Amino acid sequence: HDIRDEMLEQARKRLKRAKLHNVQYLPERHPLKSKLVGRMDWVVCDVPCSMSGSIRRNPNMKWTFSDELLFKWIAQQRDIFEDALKFLKPKGKIVYSTCSILDEENV
């Protein structure tokens, strides 16, 4: 799920191109979300991050970076990951991704 509907739409297009069909896309407060708890074989968490891995494309970003923002992203990432875990079946797999190169966001 994603709190941004436009990101879900982009994900839908990318996964269709990758020929992945058995995929659930649910907005943050979708009523069916609770019925999926403990039923997913795979969960993908593409979490919001500092985008430190894209500084080369966006060099001005380094001037707005701060420890305060980093800690905010880390807390948000952990919340998303913890929430996602409950949707996995026993022995299910979770994929965690960021575009960050910082260990703090990827450990």
Protein backbone atom coordinates (compact mmCIF):
# COMPACT_ATOMS: atom_id res chain seq x y z
CA HIS A 1 0.00 0.00 0.00
CA ASP A 2 0.99 3.59 -0.29
CA ILE A 3 -0.53 6.75 1.11
CA ARG A 4 0.00 8.35 -2.33
CA ASP A 5 -2.51 7.02 -4.88
CA GLU A 6 -0.40 8.27 -7.81
CA MET A 7 2.48 6.05 -6.66
CA LEU A 8 0.20 3.02 -6.59
CA GLU A 9 -0.81 3.78 -10.17
CA GLN A 10 2.84 3.97 -11.24
CA ALA A 11 3.56 0.68 -9.46
CA ARG A 12 0.60 -0.93 -11.21
CA LYS A 13 2.04 0.03 -14.62
CA ARG A 14 5.58 -1.15 -13.78
CA LEU A 15 4.43 -4.49 -12.41
CA LYS A 16 2.18 -5.07 -15.43
CA ARG A 17 5.21 -4.50 -17.70
CA ALA A 18 7.11 -7.03 -15.56
CA LYS A 19 4.22 -9.49 -16.16
CA LEU A 20 3.33 -9.76 -12.46
CA HIS A 21 -0.39 -10.34 -12.16
CA ASN A 22 -1.32 -11.57 -8.68
CA VAL A 23 -0.70 -8.22 -6.98
CA GLN A 24 -2.83 -6.28 -4.49
CA TYR A 25 -2.80 -2.47 -4.50
CA LEU A 26 -4.59 -0.91 -1.60
CA PRO A 27 -4.81 2.68 -0.44
CA GLU A 28 -3.92 3.36 3.19
CA ARG A 29 -7.44 3.00 4.61
CA HIS A 30 -8.92 0.41 2.24
CA PRO A 31 -11.53 -1.80 4.01
CA LEU A 32 -10.15 -5.05 2.52
CA LYS A 33 -6.68 -4.42 3.93
CA SER A 34 -7.51 -6.09 7.24
CA LYS A 35 -8.59 -9.27 5.41
CA LEU A 36 -5.08 -9.68 3.98
CA VAL A 37 -3.33 -9.95 7.36
CA GLY A 38 -1.28 -13.15 7.40
CA ARG A 39 -2.17 -14.07 3.79
CA MET A 40 0.63 -12.66 1.61
CA ASP A 41 3.46 -14.78 0.20
CA TRP A 42 5.47 -11.64 -0.63
CA VAL A 43 5.34 -8.03 0.54
CA VAL A 44 7.34 -5.27 -1.12
CA CYS A 45 8.25 -2.22 0.96
CA ASP A 46 9.60 0.55 -1.25
CA VAL A 47 9.90 3.04 1.58
CA PRO A 48 10.35 6.83 1.49
CA CYS A 49 13.97 7.76 2.12
CA SER A 50 16.64 10.47 2.05
CA MET A 51 17.24 9.76 -1.66
CA SER A 52 20.98 9.89 -1.00
CA GLY A 53 21.48 7.44 -3.86
CA SER A 54 20.20 10.02 -6.34
CA ILE A 55 22.36 12.98 -5.34
CA ARG A 56 24.21 12.77 -8.65
CA ARG A 57 20.96 13.48 -10.51
CA ASN A 58 19.81 16.05 -7.93
CA PRO A 59 22.99 17.71 -6.58
CA ASN A 60 21.13 20.50 -4.77
CA MET A 61 19.60 17.89 -2.50
CA LYS A 62 22.78 17.69 -0.44
CA TRP A 63 22.18 21.24 0.80
CA THR A 64 18.78 20.36 2.26
CA PHE A 65 19.88 17.13 3.96
CA SER A 66 19.87 17.11 7.78
CA ASP A 67 20.15 14.59 10.59
CA GLU A 68 16.68 15.62 11.73
CA LEU A 69 15.19 14.63 8.36
CA LEU A 70 17.21 11.43 8.31
CA PHE A 71 15.84 10.38 11.71
CA LYS A 72 12.31 11.20 10.54
CA TRP A 73 12.72 8.96 7.47
CA ILE A 74 14.23 6.14 9.52
CA ALA A 75 11.30 6.22 11.97
CA GLN A 76 8.82 6.24 9.08
CA GLN A 77 10.65 3.37 7.35
CA ARG A 78 10.55 1.24 10.50
CA ASP A 79 6.84 1.93 10.98
CA ILE A 80 6.09 0.87 7.39
CA PHE A 81 8.23 -2.26 7.72
CA GLU A 82 6.61 -3.26 11.04
CA ASP A 83 3.14 -2.74 9.55
CA ALA A 84 4.02 -4.78 6.46
CA LEU A 85 5.23 -7.78 8.48
CA LYS A 86 1.72 -8.55 9.71
CA PHE A 87 0.54 -9.24 6.15
CA LEU A 88 3.02 -12.08 5.58
CA LYS A 89 2.09 -15.74 5.73
CA PRO A 90 4.34 -17.88 7.87
CA LYS A 91 7.54 -18.36 5.83
CA GLY A 92 6.52 -15.39 3.63
CA LYS A 93 9.16 -13.08 2.21
CA ILE A 94 9.55 -9.32 2.44
CA VAL A 95 11.47 -7.09 0.04
CA TYR A 96 12.73 -3.80 1.46
CA SER A 97 14.01 -1.11 -0.87
CA THR A 98 15.20 2.46 -0.75
CA CYS A 99 17.19 4.65 -3.10
CA SER A 100 19.48 5.55 -0.21
CA ILE A 101 23.14 4.62 0.09
CA LEU A 102 23.13 5.20 3.85
CA ASP A 103 23.48 2.17 6.11
CA GLU A 104 21.08 3.75 8.62
CA GLU A 105 18.27 3.42 6.09
CA ASN A 106 19.13 -0.02 4.81
CA VAL A 107 20.01 -2.15 7.84
